[in-house]
Each structure stands twice: as structure tokens, then as C-alpha cells.
Amino acid sequence: MRKKLTLSEEQFRFIDQLTNEVFESDMLPEGTVLTGVGIQSRRSIDPSGESTWYHLDLWNRQLHDGRTVRLWGAFPDLSEKEDALSFHTMVQSSGLAEMFLTATPETARFETMEYVAD
């Protein structure tokens, strides 16, 4: 049985800043919708098995044959100073947007992208 994870206040704030960065910029094409957000610990690509991962589910009728894409990212050290967290937010948001626009699950590195089953 899976252990249910809940977002800490810091994780929630990071996800909020990340999604704002992605959607308030011009990184994603018009019509892109955030359809889901979640967290998971011990992803198979995490050798230490100790980090917590988040995912954003994005959909755009014009991309990925209209399928919903799940993009995974690891939370940074949320105890860092605000300017360092802002930098992580900027880097991760641009990386997620670039992956959504240019990659497929077959070409994405490190199993950080997958299609969500309907």
C-alpha cells in the first residue's frame, strides 16, 4: 500500500511559484492547460530513494497528439535562501516548458516525461 504524501507549506509555495513562472511567461503556447499536480517519493530514477518529486500534467490540443503529458521534477532544497529558490524555480520552469515543447516520452532523458492514460 502506498503511503499518502501531503505537500508541506514550502513544497506548496514552490509548486505555486513554478506554475506561475510557467504560465505567466510566454514559455508555453496559448491553449496549454494545467490538468494536474502531484508528488511522489522514491522515483525509480532517484538512486538515493530519498527525494520527493513533483509532477505537472499539461495538455495542449496542438501538441503530443492531444495527449496529456506528465512532467516530473525533483524538489530543490527548500531550506535555501529565497534568491536561490527563485533561481531553481526559473531553471526548472524553463526546463519543463522546453521539454513539453520539444520532447516526447521516448526522447526525454531520465524518465522525466510520460503520457497520462486517459
N, C-alpha and C. Protein backbone atom coordinates (compact mmCIF):
# COMPACT_ATOMS: atom_id res chain seq x y z
N MET A 1 0.83 -1.17 0.00
CA MET A 1 0.00 0.00 0.00
C MET A 1 0.88 1.25 0.00
N ARG A 2 0.55 2.20 -0.84
CA ARG A 2 1.33 3.43 -0.93
C ARG A 2 1.05 4.35 0.25
N LYS A 3 2.11 4.99 0.69
CA LYS A 3 1.98 5.98 1.74
C LYS A 3 1.49 7.28 1.10
N LYS A 4 0.46 7.87 1.67
CA LYS A 4 -0.07 9.11 1.13
C LYS A 4 0.83 10.27 1.56
N LEU A 5 1.27 11.05 0.59
CA LEU A 5 2.11 12.21 0.87
C LEU A 5 1.26 13.47 0.80
N THR A 6 1.56 14.40 1.64
CA THR A 6 0.91 15.70 1.56
C THR A 6 1.98 16.76 1.36
N LEU A 7 1.60 17.81 0.67
CA LEU A 7 2.54 18.89 0.42
C LEU A 7 2.78 19.70 1.68
N SER A 8 4.04 19.96 1.96
CA SER A 8 4.37 20.88 3.04
C SER A 8 4.09 22.30 2.54
N GLU A 9 4.08 23.24 3.43
CA GLU A 9 3.87 24.63 3.04
C GLU A 9 4.95 25.09 2.07
N GLU A 10 6.18 24.67 2.31
CA GLU A 10 7.29 25.06 1.42
C GLU A 10 7.14 24.43 0.04
N GLN A 11 6.73 23.16 0.00
CA GLN A 11 6.53 22.49 -1.28
C GLN A 11 5.39 23.15 -2.05
N PHE A 12 4.31 23.46 -1.34
CA PHE A 12 3.18 24.12 -1.98
C PHE A 12 3.61 25.46 -2.56
N ARG A 13 4.37 26.24 -1.81
CA ARG A 13 4.85 27.54 -2.27
C ARG A 13 5.73 27.38 -3.52
N PHE A 14 6.61 26.36 -3.51
CA PHE A 14 7.48 26.13 -4.67
C PHE A 14 6.64 25.78 -5.90
N ILE A 15 5.68 24.87 -5.75
CA ILE A 15 4.82 24.48 -6.88
C ILE A 15 4.04 25.69 -7.38
N ASP A 16 3.53 26.50 -6.47
CA ASP A 16 2.79 27.70 -6.85
C ASP A 16 3.68 28.65 -7.65
N GLN A 17 4.89 28.89 -7.18
CA GLN A 17 5.81 29.77 -7.90
C GLN A 17 6.21 29.18 -9.25
N LEU A 18 6.41 27.87 -9.28
CA LEU A 18 6.79 27.19 -10.52
C LEU A 18 5.69 27.32 -11.57
N THR A 19 4.45 27.02 -11.19
CA THR A 19 3.35 27.10 -12.16
C THR A 19 3.11 28.55 -12.59
N ASN A 20 3.24 29.48 -11.66
CA ASN A 20 3.11 30.89 -12.04
C ASN A 20 4.18 31.29 -13.04
N GLU A 21 5.40 30.85 -12.81
CA GLU A 21 6.51 31.17 -13.72
C GLU A 21 6.23 30.60 -15.12
N VAL A 22 5.73 29.39 -15.18
CA VAL A 22 5.46 28.74 -16.47
C VAL A 22 4.30 29.43 -17.19
N PHE A 23 3.21 29.70 -16.48
CA PHE A 23 2.01 30.19 -17.15
C PHE A 23 1.93 31.70 -17.28
N GLU A 24 2.66 32.45 -16.47
CA GLU A 24 2.63 33.90 -16.60
C GLU A 24 3.68 34.41 -17.58
N SER A 25 4.51 33.53 -18.05
CA SER A 25 5.50 33.91 -19.05
C SER A 25 4.95 33.51 -20.42
N ASP A 26 5.73 33.72 -21.42
CA ASP A 26 5.33 33.31 -22.77
C ASP A 26 5.98 31.99 -23.15
N MET A 27 6.33 31.17 -22.16
CA MET A 27 7.05 29.93 -22.45
C MET A 27 6.17 28.91 -23.17
N LEU A 28 4.90 28.81 -22.80
CA LEU A 28 4.03 27.80 -23.37
C LEU A 28 3.05 28.43 -24.35
N PRO A 29 2.66 27.69 -25.38
CA PRO A 29 1.73 28.26 -26.36
C PRO A 29 0.34 28.44 -25.76
N GLU A 30 -0.40 29.35 -26.36
CA GLU A 30 -1.78 29.59 -25.94
C GLU A 30 -2.56 28.28 -26.04
N GLY A 31 -3.44 28.06 -25.11
CA GLY A 31 -4.24 26.85 -25.09
C GLY A 31 -3.67 25.74 -24.22
N THR A 32 -2.51 25.96 -23.63
CA THR A 32 -1.93 24.96 -22.73
C THR A 32 -2.64 25.04 -21.39
N VAL A 33 -3.04 23.87 -20.88
CA VAL A 33 -3.81 23.79 -19.64
C VAL A 33 -3.07 22.91 -18.64
N LEU A 34 -3.03 23.37 -17.40
CA LEU A 34 -2.51 22.55 -16.29
C LEU A 34 -3.67 21.68 -15.82
N THR A 35 -3.55 20.37 -16.02
CA THR A 35 -4.66 19.47 -15.67
C THR A 35 -4.44 18.71 -14.38
N GLY A 36 -3.24 18.79 -13.81
CA GLY A 36 -2.99 18.09 -12.56
C GLY A 36 -1.62 18.40 -11.99
N VAL A 37 -1.52 18.22 -10.67
CA VAL A 37 -0.27 18.40 -9.94
C VAL A 37 -0.21 17.30 -8.89
N GLY A 38 0.98 16.75 -8.64
CA GLY A 38 1.10 15.73 -7.62
C GLY A 38 2.52 15.60 -7.12
N ILE A 39 2.69 14.77 -6.10
CA ILE A 39 4.02 14.49 -5.56
C ILE A 39 4.18 12.99 -5.36
N GLN A 40 5.41 12.55 -5.36
CA GLN A 40 5.73 11.14 -5.15
C GLN A 40 7.15 11.04 -4.60
N SER A 41 7.36 10.14 -3.68
CA SER A 41 8.72 9.91 -3.20
C SER A 41 9.29 8.67 -3.85
N ARG A 42 10.60 8.57 -3.84
CA ARG A 42 11.32 7.39 -4.30
C ARG A 42 11.00 6.99 -5.74
N ARG A 43 11.16 7.92 -6.66
CA ARG A 43 11.00 7.58 -8.07
C ARG A 43 12.12 6.63 -8.47
N SER A 44 11.85 5.79 -9.46
CA SER A 44 12.82 4.78 -9.88
C SER A 44 14.12 5.39 -10.39
N ILE A 45 14.08 6.63 -10.85
CA ILE A 45 15.30 7.26 -11.37
C ILE A 45 16.10 7.96 -10.29
N ASP A 46 15.65 7.87 -9.06
CA ASP A 46 16.33 8.50 -7.93
C ASP A 46 17.15 7.45 -7.21
N PRO A 47 18.47 7.39 -7.44
CA PRO A 47 19.28 6.33 -6.84
C PRO A 47 19.27 6.34 -5.31
N SER A 48 19.15 7.51 -4.71
CA SER A 48 19.16 7.56 -3.24
C SER A 48 17.82 7.12 -2.67
N GLY A 49 16.75 7.28 -3.46
CA GLY A 49 15.43 6.90 -2.98
C GLY A 49 14.90 7.80 -1.89
N GLU A 50 15.52 8.94 -1.69
CA GLU A 50 15.12 9.78 -0.57
C GLU A 50 14.50 11.10 -0.96
N SER A 51 14.51 11.46 -2.21
CA SER A 51 13.96 12.76 -2.58
C SER A 51 12.47 12.66 -2.89
N THR A 52 11.81 13.79 -2.82
CA THR A 52 10.40 13.88 -3.17
C THR A 52 10.30 14.57 -4.51
N TRP A 53 9.50 14.01 -5.39
CA TRP A 53 9.33 14.52 -6.74
C TRP A 53 7.95 15.11 -6.90
N TYR A 54 7.84 16.11 -7.76
CA TYR A 54 6.53 16.67 -8.12
C TYR A 54 6.28 16.38 -9.59
N HIS A 55 5.02 16.45 -9.98
CA HIS A 55 4.72 16.38 -11.41
C HIS A 55 3.66 17.42 -11.75
N LEU A 56 3.77 17.91 -12.97
CA LEU A 56 2.78 18.78 -13.56
C LEU A 56 2.22 18.06 -14.77
N ASP A 57 0.91 18.02 -14.88
CA ASP A 57 0.25 17.44 -16.05
C ASP A 57 -0.20 18.59 -16.94
N LEU A 58 0.29 18.60 -18.17
CA LEU A 58 -0.02 19.66 -19.12
C LEU A 58 -0.71 19.09 -20.35
N TRP A 59 -1.62 19.87 -20.90
CA TRP A 59 -2.33 19.45 -22.10
C TRP A 59 -2.45 20.64 -23.05
N ASN A 60 -2.25 20.36 -24.32
CA ASN A 60 -2.49 21.33 -25.38
C ASN A 60 -2.92 20.54 -26.60
N ARG A 61 -4.07 20.90 -27.14
CA ARG A 61 -4.64 20.17 -28.28
C ARG A 61 -3.66 20.06 -29.45
N GLN A 62 -2.79 21.05 -29.62
CA GLN A 62 -1.88 21.10 -30.76
C GLN A 62 -0.59 20.30 -30.56
N LEU A 63 -0.33 19.85 -29.35
CA LEU A 63 0.92 19.16 -29.05
C LEU A 63 0.67 17.73 -28.59
N HIS A 64 1.61 16.85 -28.85
CA HIS A 64 1.58 15.47 -28.36
C HIS A 64 0.30 14.74 -28.77
N ASP A 65 -0.16 15.01 -29.98
CA ASP A 65 -1.38 14.38 -30.49
C ASP A 65 -2.55 14.55 -29.54
N GLY A 66 -2.58 15.67 -28.83
CA GLY A 66 -3.69 15.97 -27.92
C GLY A 66 -3.68 15.18 -26.63
N ARG A 67 -2.58 14.50 -26.34
CA ARG A 67 -2.50 13.72 -25.10
C ARG A 67 -1.97 14.58 -23.95
N THR A 68 -2.34 14.21 -22.73
CA THR A 68 -1.84 14.89 -21.54
C THR A 68 -0.45 14.39 -21.23
N VAL A 69 0.45 15.31 -20.94
CA VAL A 69 1.85 14.99 -20.66
C VAL A 69 2.12 15.22 -19.17
N ARG A 70 2.75 14.26 -18.52
CA ARG A 70 3.18 14.41 -17.13
C ARG A 70 4.68 14.68 -17.14
N LEU A 71 5.07 15.82 -16.57
CA LEU A 71 6.47 16.22 -16.47
C LEU A 71 6.90 16.14 -15.01
N TRP A 72 7.98 15.42 -14.76
CA TRP A 72 8.48 15.21 -13.40
C TRP A 72 9.66 16.12 -13.11
N GLY A 73 9.76 16.56 -11.87
CA GLY A 73 10.90 17.32 -11.40
C GLY A 73 11.14 17.04 -9.93
N ALA A 74 12.38 17.16 -9.50
CA ALA A 74 12.71 16.95 -8.09
C ALA A 74 12.66 18.29 -7.36
N PHE A 75 12.11 18.27 -6.17
CA PHE A 75 12.12 19.48 -5.36
C PHE A 75 13.57 19.85 -5.04
N PRO A 76 13.90 21.13 -5.12
CA PRO A 76 15.22 21.56 -4.67
C PRO A 76 15.25 21.57 -3.14
N ASP A 77 16.37 21.90 -2.59
CA ASP A 77 16.47 22.06 -1.13
C ASP A 77 15.67 23.30 -0.75
N LEU A 78 14.51 23.07 -0.14
CA LEU A 78 13.59 24.17 0.15
C LEU A 78 14.01 25.00 1.36
N SER A 79 15.13 24.62 1.99
CA SER A 79 15.64 25.42 3.11
C SER A 79 16.63 26.49 2.63
N GLU A 80 16.89 26.51 1.32
CA GLU A 80 17.81 27.51 0.78
C GLU A 80 17.21 28.91 0.87
N LYS A 81 18.06 29.90 0.70
CA LYS A 81 17.62 31.29 0.73
C LYS A 81 16.68 31.57 -0.44
N GLU A 82 15.86 32.60 -0.28
CA GLU A 82 14.83 32.93 -1.26
C GLU A 82 15.40 33.16 -2.66
N ASP A 83 16.55 33.83 -2.78
CA ASP A 83 17.10 34.09 -4.11
C ASP A 83 17.55 32.79 -4.78
N ALA A 84 18.06 31.84 -4.01
CA ALA A 84 18.44 30.55 -4.57
C ALA A 84 17.21 29.78 -5.02
N LEU A 85 16.14 29.83 -4.24
CA LEU A 85 14.90 29.15 -4.63
C LEU A 85 14.29 29.79 -5.88
N SER A 86 14.38 31.09 -5.98
CA SER A 86 13.89 31.78 -7.18
C SER A 86 14.66 31.32 -8.41
N PHE A 87 15.97 31.14 -8.25
CA PHE A 87 16.78 30.65 -9.36
C PHE A 87 16.35 29.23 -9.74
N HIS A 88 16.16 28.33 -8.76
CA HIS A 88 15.70 26.97 -9.04
C HIS A 88 14.35 26.99 -9.76
N THR A 89 13.47 27.86 -9.31
CA THR A 89 12.15 27.97 -9.94
C THR A 89 12.28 28.37 -11.40
N MET A 90 13.11 29.36 -11.68
CA MET A 90 13.30 29.82 -13.04
C MET A 90 13.89 28.71 -13.92
N VAL A 91 14.92 28.05 -13.42
CA VAL A 91 15.57 27.00 -14.20
C VAL A 91 14.62 25.83 -14.45
N GLN A 92 13.93 25.38 -13.40
CA GLN A 92 13.05 24.23 -13.57
C GLN A 92 11.85 24.57 -14.45
N SER A 93 11.29 25.77 -14.31
CA SER A 93 10.13 26.12 -15.14
C SER A 93 10.51 26.19 -16.61
N SER A 94 11.66 26.77 -16.92
CA SER A 94 12.07 26.84 -18.33
C SER A 94 12.39 25.45 -18.87
N GLY A 95 12.99 24.60 -18.04
CA GLY A 95 13.28 23.23 -18.46
C GLY A 95 12.02 22.42 -18.72
N LEU A 96 11.02 22.57 -17.86
CA LEU A 96 9.75 21.86 -18.06
C LEU A 96 9.05 22.34 -19.32
N ALA A 97 9.03 23.65 -19.53
CA ALA A 97 8.40 24.19 -20.73
C ALA A 97 9.11 23.71 -21.99
N GLU A 98 10.43 23.75 -21.98
CA GLU A 98 11.19 23.28 -23.15
C GLU A 98 10.92 21.81 -23.42
N MET A 99 10.87 21.01 -22.37
CA MET A 99 10.60 19.58 -22.55
C MET A 99 9.20 19.37 -23.14
N PHE A 100 8.21 20.09 -22.64
CA PHE A 100 6.85 19.96 -23.15
C PHE A 100 6.77 20.33 -24.62
N LEU A 101 7.55 21.33 -25.02
CA LEU A 101 7.51 21.81 -26.41
C LEU A 101 8.34 20.97 -27.37
N THR A 102 9.43 20.37 -26.91
CA THR A 102 10.38 19.77 -27.85
C THR A 102 10.61 18.27 -27.70
N ALA A 103 10.18 17.68 -26.60
CA ALA A 103 10.50 16.27 -26.36
C ALA A 103 9.24 15.40 -26.39
N THR A 104 9.47 14.12 -26.39
CA THR A 104 8.42 13.12 -26.21
C THR A 104 8.90 12.17 -25.12
N PRO A 105 8.01 11.37 -24.56
CA PRO A 105 8.48 10.41 -23.54
C PRO A 105 9.58 9.49 -24.06
N GLU A 106 9.57 9.21 -25.34
CA GLU A 106 10.59 8.34 -25.92
C GLU A 106 11.95 9.02 -26.01
N THR A 107 11.97 10.34 -26.15
CA THR A 107 13.23 11.06 -26.31
C THR A 107 13.68 11.78 -25.04
N ALA A 108 12.81 11.90 -24.05
CA ALA A 108 13.17 12.62 -22.82
C ALA A 108 14.21 11.82 -22.05
N ARG A 109 15.13 12.54 -21.45
CA ARG A 109 16.18 11.89 -20.67
C ARG A 109 15.68 11.61 -19.26
N PHE A 110 16.15 10.54 -18.67
CA PHE A 110 15.94 10.23 -17.26
C PHE A 110 14.48 9.99 -16.86
N GLU A 111 13.65 9.55 -17.77
CA GLU A 111 12.26 9.22 -17.44
C GLU A 111 11.54 10.36 -16.73
N THR A 112 11.70 11.56 -17.23
CA THR A 112 11.08 12.71 -16.59
C THR A 112 9.82 13.17 -17.30
N MET A 113 9.37 12.38 -18.27
CA MET A 113 8.19 12.74 -19.04
C MET A 113 7.44 11.48 -19.40
N GLU A 114 6.12 11.54 -19.31
CA GLU A 114 5.30 10.40 -19.70
C GLU A 114 3.92 10.90 -20.12
N TYR A 115 3.22 10.08 -20.90
CA TYR A 115 1.85 10.40 -21.24
C TYR A 115 0.94 9.83 -20.16
N VAL A 116 -0.09 10.60 -19.83
CA VAL A 116 -1.05 10.17 -18.82
C VAL A 116 -2.15 9.41 -19.53
N ALA A 117 -2.44 8.21 -19.05
CA ALA A 117 -3.50 7.41 -19.65
C ALA A 117 -4.85 8.08 -19.43
N ASP A 118 -5.65 8.08 -20.48
CA ASP A 118 -7.00 8.67 -20.36
C ASP A 118 -7.94 7.76 -19.63
